[in-house]
């Protein structure tokens, strides 16, 4: 693994991360994989919404939002989510609002705005790294319960386990798109 995650401290976080990584491995195309991952995260973390983006240089492209087959990329909702994801990718750090006990202090202005405007009590974004570069971001929003350190570790472990499959699917979709065979 390129980004060595802190050792899993509970069976729950390990179970969530491994189960989702195994489910992801069954997917053959990027967008269905992204959608499945977001839907599963929303369910397993009792979240209001989970999203996944792809990062290329300074550009963040929203791939999937849980339980939304299609979304308007230029919508206010998409812009708010992308703003939080850009904040995470730029700082190359997990970012939460409110700050989780034991976390390092990071700038979380866009996360606070997403929480308030999205009517969620807690928002967290986790960068997914491939060869020491952020290539994707997972953002999860929920109401009534803040995220725990255990959940942060589960998301970090999931990112480390899932990033290679997501990267492979992304490369494959670009190949087929360039060669004119198929699109995701």
C-alpha atoms as a PDB file:
ATOM      1  CA  UNK A   1       0.000   0.000   0.000  1.00  0.00           C
ATOM      2  CA  UNK A   2       1.320   3.427  -0.905  1.00  0.00           C
ATOM      3  CA  UNK A   3      -0.179   5.203   2.085  1.00  0.00           C
ATOM      4  CA  UNK A   4       0.293   3.065   5.166  1.00  0.00           C
ATOM      5  CA  UNK A   5      -2.752   3.497   7.337  1.00  0.00           C
ATOM      6  CA  UNK A   6      -2.591   3.450  11.096  1.00  0.00           C
ATOM      7  CA  UNK A   7      -3.277  -0.069  12.360  1.00  0.00           C
ATOM      8  CA  UNK A   8      -6.969  -0.794  12.609  1.00  0.00           C
ATOM      9  CA  UNK A   9      -7.991  -0.588  16.241  1.00  0.00           C
ATOM     10  CA  UNK A  10     -11.392  -2.264  16.115  1.00  0.00           C
ATOM     11  CA  UNK A  11     -12.946  -5.131  14.231  1.00  0.00           C
ATOM     12  CA  UNK A  12     -15.843  -2.876  13.111  1.00  0.00           C
ATOM     13  CA  UNK A  13     -13.686  -0.472  11.126  1.00  0.00           C
ATOM     14  CA  UNK A  14     -11.708  -3.312   9.584  1.00  0.00           C
ATOM     15  CA  UNK A  15     -14.901  -5.172   8.658  1.00  0.00           C
ATOM     16  CA  UNK A  16     -16.522  -2.127   7.025  1.00  0.00           C
ATOM     17  CA  UNK A  17     -13.401  -1.294   5.028  1.00  0.00           C
ATOM     18  CA  UNK A  18     -12.712  -4.847   3.873  1.00  0.00           C
ATOM     19  CA  UNK A  19     -16.351  -5.571   2.955  1.00  0.00           C
ATOM     20  CA  UNK A  20     -16.616  -2.401   0.885  1.00  0.00           C
ATOM     21  CA  UNK A  21     -13.264  -3.024  -0.804  1.00  0.00           C
ATOM     22  CA  UNK A  22     -14.401  -6.540  -1.743  1.00  0.00           C
ATOM     23  CA  UNK A  23     -17.686  -5.210  -3.137  1.00  0.00           C
ATOM     24  CA  UNK A  24     -15.779  -2.600  -5.107  1.00  0.00           C
ATOM     25  CA  UNK A  25     -13.508  -5.258  -6.557  1.00  0.00           C
ATOM     26  CA  UNK A  26     -16.550  -6.914  -8.183  1.00  0.00           C
ATOM     27  CA  UNK A  27     -17.380  -3.803 -10.198  1.00  0.00           C
ATOM     28  CA  UNK A  28     -16.188  -3.635 -13.805  1.00  0.00           C
ATOM     29  CA  UNK A  29     -16.791   0.054 -14.588  1.00  0.00           C
ATOM     30  CA  UNK A  30     -15.881   3.262 -12.780  1.00  0.00           C
ATOM     31  CA  UNK A  31     -19.248   4.998 -12.447  1.00  0.00           C
ATOM     32  CA  UNK A  32     -21.153   1.939 -11.177  1.00  0.00           C
ATOM     33  CA  UNK A  33     -18.276   1.295  -8.753  1.00  0.00           C
ATOM     34  CA  UNK A  34     -18.397   4.899  -7.518  1.00  0.00           C
ATOM     35  CA  UNK A  35     -22.180   4.744  -7.114  1.00  0.00           C
ATOM     36  CA  UNK A  36     -22.036   1.443  -5.221  1.00  0.00           C
ATOM     37  CA  UNK A  37     -19.344   2.789  -2.906  1.00  0.00           C
ATOM     38  CA  UNK A  38     -21.332   5.950  -2.120  1.00  0.00           C
ATOM     39  CA  UNK A  39     -24.576   4.049  -1.508  1.00  0.00           C
ATOM     40  CA  UNK A  40     -22.859   1.538   0.772  1.00  0.00           C
ATOM     41  CA  UNK A  41     -21.092   4.275   2.744  1.00  0.00           C
ATOM     42  CA  UNK A  42     -24.363   6.117   3.205  1.00  0.00           C
ATOM     43  CA  UNK A  43     -26.050   2.983   4.545  1.00  0.00           C
ATOM     44  CA  UNK A  44     -23.230   1.679   6.746  1.00  0.00           C
ATOM     45  CA  UNK A  45     -22.416   5.053   8.310  1.00  0.00           C
ATOM     46  CA  UNK A  46     -26.085   6.099   8.716  1.00  0.00           C
ATOM     47  CA  UNK A  47     -25.320   9.130   6.576  1.00  0.00           C
ATOM     48  CA  UNK A  48     -27.560  11.539   4.751  1.00  0.00           C
ATOM     49  CA  UNK A  49     -25.265  11.582   1.754  1.00  0.00           C
ATOM     50  CA  UNK A  50     -21.923  10.174   0.550  1.00  0.00           C
ATOM     51  CA  UNK A  51     -20.021  11.401  -2.494  1.00  0.00           C
ATOM     52  CA  UNK A  52     -16.918  10.456  -4.461  1.00  0.00           C
ATOM     53  CA  UNK A  53     -14.807  12.663  -6.703  1.00  0.00           C
ATOM     54  CA  UNK A  54     -11.793  12.178  -8.930  1.00  0.00           C
ATOM     55  CA  UNK A  55      -8.871  14.592  -8.605  1.00  0.00           C
ATOM     56  CA  UNK A  56      -6.647  15.466 -11.551  1.00  0.00           C
ATOM     57  CA  UNK A  57      -4.120  18.190 -10.843  1.00  0.00           C
ATOM     58  CA  UNK A  58      -6.107  21.042  -9.315  1.00  0.00           C
ATOM     59  CA  UNK A  59      -9.378  19.848 -10.864  1.00  0.00           C
ATOM     60  CA  UNK A  60     -11.945  17.945  -8.788  1.00  0.00           C
ATOM     61  CA  UNK A  61     -14.652  16.115 -10.749  1.00  0.00           C
ATOM     62  CA  UNK A  62     -17.673  14.819  -8.845  1.00  0.00           C
ATOM     63  CA  UNK A  63     -18.326  11.221  -9.939  1.00  0.00           C
ATOM     64  CA  UNK A  64     -21.149  10.014  -7.708  1.00  0.00           C
ATOM     65  CA  UNK A  65     -23.583  11.076  -5.010  1.00  0.00           C
ATOM     66  CA  UNK A  66     -25.389   8.364  -3.061  1.00  0.00           C
ATOM     67  CA  UNK A  67     -28.885   7.527  -4.286  1.00  0.00           C
ATOM     68  CA  UNK A  68     -28.642   9.941  -7.216  1.00  0.00           C
ATOM     69  CA  UNK A  69     -28.239   8.201 -10.557  1.00  0.00           C
ATOM     70  CA  UNK A  70     -27.809  11.575 -12.201  1.00  0.00           C
ATOM     71  CA  UNK A  71     -27.067  15.032 -10.878  1.00  0.00           C
ATOM     72  CA  UNK A  72     -26.474  18.402 -12.455  1.00  0.00           C
ATOM     73  CA  UNK A  73     -22.728  18.995 -12.297  1.00  0.00           C
ATOM     74  CA  UNK A  74     -23.256  22.755 -12.258  1.00  0.00           C
ATOM     75  CA  UNK A  75     -25.898  22.678  -9.520  1.00  0.00           C
ATOM     76  CA  UNK A  76     -25.543  24.477  -6.212  1.00  0.00           C
ATOM     77  CA  UNK A  77     -25.426  21.132  -4.380  1.00  0.00           C
ATOM     78  CA  UNK A  78     -22.636  19.780  -6.598  1.00  0.00           C
ATOM     79  CA  UNK A  79     -20.667  23.026  -6.198  1.00  0.00           C
ATOM     80  CA  UNK A  80     -20.907  22.848  -2.385  1.00  0.00           C
ATOM     81  CA  UNK A  81     -19.759  19.222  -2.319  1.00  0.00           C
ATOM     82  CA  UNK A  82     -16.909  19.911  -4.749  1.00  0.00           C
ATOM     83  CA  UNK A  83     -15.846  22.907  -2.630  1.00  0.00           C
ATOM     84  CA  UNK A  84     -15.418  20.638   0.399  1.00  0.00           C
ATOM     85  CA  UNK A  85     -13.619  18.018  -1.684  1.00  0.00           C
ATOM     86  CA  UNK A  86     -11.240  20.631  -3.113  1.00  0.00           C
ATOM     87  CA  UNK A  87     -10.498  21.785   0.444  1.00  0.00           C
ATOM     88  CA  UNK A  88      -9.587  18.202   1.378  1.00  0.00           C
ATOM     89  CA  UNK A  89      -7.522  17.540  -1.758  1.00  0.00           C
ATOM     90  CA  UNK A  90      -5.629  20.818  -1.447  1.00  0.00           C
ATOM     91  CA  UNK A  91      -4.691  20.160   2.189  1.00  0.00           C
ATOM     92  CA  UNK A  92      -4.074  16.442   1.527  1.00  0.00           C
ATOM     93  CA  UNK A  93      -5.684  15.727   4.875  1.00  0.00           C
ATOM     94  CA  UNK A  94      -8.885  14.329   6.352  1.00  0.00           C
ATOM     95  CA  UNK A  95     -11.157  17.260   7.113  1.00  0.00           C
ATOM     96  CA  UNK A  96     -14.230  17.240   9.288  1.00  0.00           C
ATOM     97  CA  UNK A  97     -16.769  19.672  10.583  1.00  0.00           C
ATOM     98  CA  UNK A  98     -16.964  19.783  13.490  1.00  0.00           C
ATOM     99  CA  UNK A  99     -13.355  18.887  14.222  1.00  0.00           C
ATOM    100  CA  UNK A 100     -13.058  15.317  15.526  1.00  0.00           C
ATOM    101  CA  UNK A 101     -11.288  14.901  18.866  1.00  0.00           C
ATOM    102  CA  UNK A 102      -7.699  13.891  18.306  1.00  0.00           C
ATOM    103  CA  UNK A 103      -7.575  15.312  14.773  1.00  0.00           C
ATOM    104  CA  UNK A 104      -5.033  17.830  13.608  1.00  0.00           C
ATOM    105  CA  UNK A 105      -6.371  21.323  13.101  1.00  0.00           C
ATOM    106  CA  UNK A 106      -7.036  22.050   9.432  1.00  0.00           C
ATOM    107  CA  UNK A 107      -8.940  24.758   7.609  1.00  0.00           C
ATOM    108  CA  UNK A 108     -12.525  23.502   7.239  1.00  0.00           C
ATOM    109  CA  UNK A 109     -14.415  26.558   5.959  1.00  0.00           C
ATOM    110  CA  UNK A 110     -16.001  24.748   2.976  1.00  0.00           C
ATOM    111  CA  UNK A 111     -16.945  21.799   5.179  1.00  0.00           C
ATOM    112  CA  UNK A 112     -18.697  24.113   7.629  1.00  0.00           C
ATOM    113  CA  UNK A 113     -20.560  25.763   4.741  1.00  0.00           C
ATOM    114  CA  UNK A 114     -21.590  22.359   3.323  1.00  0.00           C
ATOM    115  CA  UNK A 115     -22.844  21.257   6.755  1.00  0.00           C
ATOM    116  CA  UNK A 116     -24.908  24.407   7.306  1.00  0.00           C
ATOM    117  CA  UNK A 117     -26.338  24.657   3.783  1.00  0.00           C
ATOM    118  CA  UNK A 118     -26.924  20.902   3.545  1.00  0.00           C
ATOM    119  CA  UNK A 119     -28.586  20.828   6.984  1.00  0.00           C
ATOM    120  CA  UNK A 120     -26.188  18.156   8.277  1.00  0.00           C
ATOM    121  CA  UNK A 121     -24.540  18.194  11.690  1.00  0.00           C
ATOM    122  CA  UNK A 122     -21.320  16.520  10.550  1.00  0.00           C
ATOM    123  CA  UNK A 123     -19.276  16.377   7.349  1.00  0.00           C
ATOM    124  CA  UNK A 124     -16.038  14.507   6.720  1.00  0.00           C
ATOM    125  CA  UNK A 125     -13.819  14.237   3.645  1.00  0.00           C
ATOM    126  CA  UNK A 126     -11.032  11.697   3.269  1.00  0.00           C
ATOM    127  CA  UNK A 127      -8.393  11.858   0.526  1.00  0.00           C
ATOM    128  CA  UNK A 128      -7.605   8.675  -1.397  1.00  0.00           C
ATOM    129  CA  UNK A 129      -3.940   8.576  -2.354  1.00  0.00           C
ATOM    130  CA  UNK A 130      -2.205   6.745  -5.174  1.00  0.00           C
ATOM    131  CA  UNK A 131       1.600   6.901  -5.198  1.00  0.00           C
ATOM    132  CA  UNK A 132       1.560   9.699  -2.623  1.00  0.00           C
ATOM    133  CA  UNK A 133      -0.821  11.893  -4.637  1.00  0.00           C
ATOM    134  CA  UNK A 134      -4.468  12.582  -3.889  1.00  0.00           C
ATOM    135  CA  UNK A 135      -6.453  11.044  -6.758  1.00  0.00           C
ATOM    136  CA  UNK A 136      -9.930  10.911  -5.208  1.00  0.00           C
ATOM    137  CA  UNK A 137     -11.922  12.219  -2.256  1.00  0.00           C
ATOM    138  CA  UNK A 138     -14.782  10.641  -0.315  1.00  0.00           C
ATOM    139  CA  UNK A 139     -17.147  13.042   1.464  1.00  0.00           C
ATOM    140  CA  UNK A 140     -19.802  11.824   3.909  1.00  0.00           C
ATOM    141  CA  UNK A 141     -22.506  13.996   5.499  1.00  0.00           C
ATOM    142  CA  UNK A 142     -24.906  13.088   8.272  1.00  0.00           C
ATOM    143  CA  UNK A 143     -27.223  14.540  10.889  1.00  0.00           C
ATOM    144  CA  UNK A 144     -27.661  13.891  14.591  1.00  0.00           C
ATOM    145  CA  UNK A 145     -24.280  12.217  15.172  1.00  0.00           C
ATOM    146  CA  UNK A 146     -20.729  13.452  14.733  1.00  0.00           C
ATOM    147  CA  UNK A 147     -18.133  11.139  13.228  1.00  0.00           C
ATOM    148  CA  UNK A 148     -15.973   9.145  15.626  1.00  0.00           C
ATOM    149  CA  UNK A 149     -12.249   8.534  15.408  1.00  0.00           C
ATOM    150  CA  UNK A 150     -13.115   4.873  14.703  1.00  0.00           C
ATOM    151  CA  UNK A 151     -15.152   5.899  11.638  1.00  0.00           C
ATOM    152  CA  UNK A 152     -12.348   8.147  10.418  1.00  0.00           C
ATOM    153  CA  UNK A 153      -9.948   5.212  10.630  1.00  0.00           C
ATOM    154  CA  UNK A 154     -12.441   2.995   8.801  1.00  0.00           C
ATOM    155  CA  UNK A 155     -12.741   5.576   5.998  1.00  0.00           C
ATOM    156  CA  UNK A 156      -8.955   5.935   5.827  1.00  0.00           C
ATOM    157  CA  UNK A 157      -8.505   2.156   5.647  1.00  0.00           C
ATOM    158  CA  UNK A 158     -11.236   1.900   3.002  1.00  0.00           C
ATOM    159  CA  UNK A 159      -9.469   4.563   0.982  1.00  0.00           C
ATOM    160  CA  UNK A 160      -6.186   2.687   1.154  1.00  0.00           C
ATOM    161  CA  UNK A 161      -7.881  -0.578   0.141  1.00  0.00           C
ATOM    162  CA  UNK A 162     -10.104   0.902  -2.579  1.00  0.00           C
ATOM    163  CA  UNK A 163      -7.839   3.395  -4.307  1.00  0.00           C
ATOM    164  CA  UNK A 164      -6.006   0.883  -6.494  1.00  0.00           C
ATOM    165  CA  UNK A 165      -9.259  -0.573  -7.896  1.00  0.00           C
ATOM    166  CA  UNK A 166     -10.699   2.904  -8.478  1.00  0.00           C
ATOM    167  CA  UNK A 167      -7.468   3.985 -10.172  1.00  0.00           C
ATOM    168  CA  UNK A 168      -7.492   0.902 -12.414  1.00  0.00           C
ATOM    169  CA  UNK A 169     -11.139   1.501 -13.356  1.00  0.00           C
ATOM    170  CA  UNK A 170     -10.380   5.157 -14.100  1.00  0.00           C
ATOM    171  CA  UNK A 171      -7.432   4.238 -16.345  1.00  0.00           C
ATOM    172  CA  UNK A 172      -9.556   1.633 -18.115  1.00  0.00           C
ATOM    173  CA  UNK A 173     -12.410   4.081 -18.701  1.00  0.00           C
ATOM    174  CA  UNK A 174      -9.964   6.634 -20.138  1.00  0.00           C
ATOM    175  CA  UNK A 175      -8.500   3.997 -22.460  1.00  0.00           C
ATOM    176  CA  UNK A 176     -11.896   2.995 -23.793  1.00  0.00           C
ATOM    177  CA  UNK A 177     -13.009   6.607 -24.064  1.00  0.00           C
ATOM    178  CA  UNK A 178      -9.896   7.603 -26.053  1.00  0.00           C
ATOM    179  CA  UNK A 179     -10.047   4.511 -28.255  1.00  0.00           C
ATOM    180  CA  UNK A 180     -13.747   5.085 -28.938  1.00  0.00           C
ATOM    181  CA  UNK A 181     -14.990   1.737 -27.644  1.00  0.00           C
ATOM    182  CA  UNK A 182     -17.200   2.580 -24.693  1.00  0.00           C
ATOM    183  CA  UNK A 183     -17.892   5.113 -22.001  1.00  0.00           C
ATOM    184  CA  UNK A 184     -18.737   4.790 -18.308  1.00  0.00           C
END
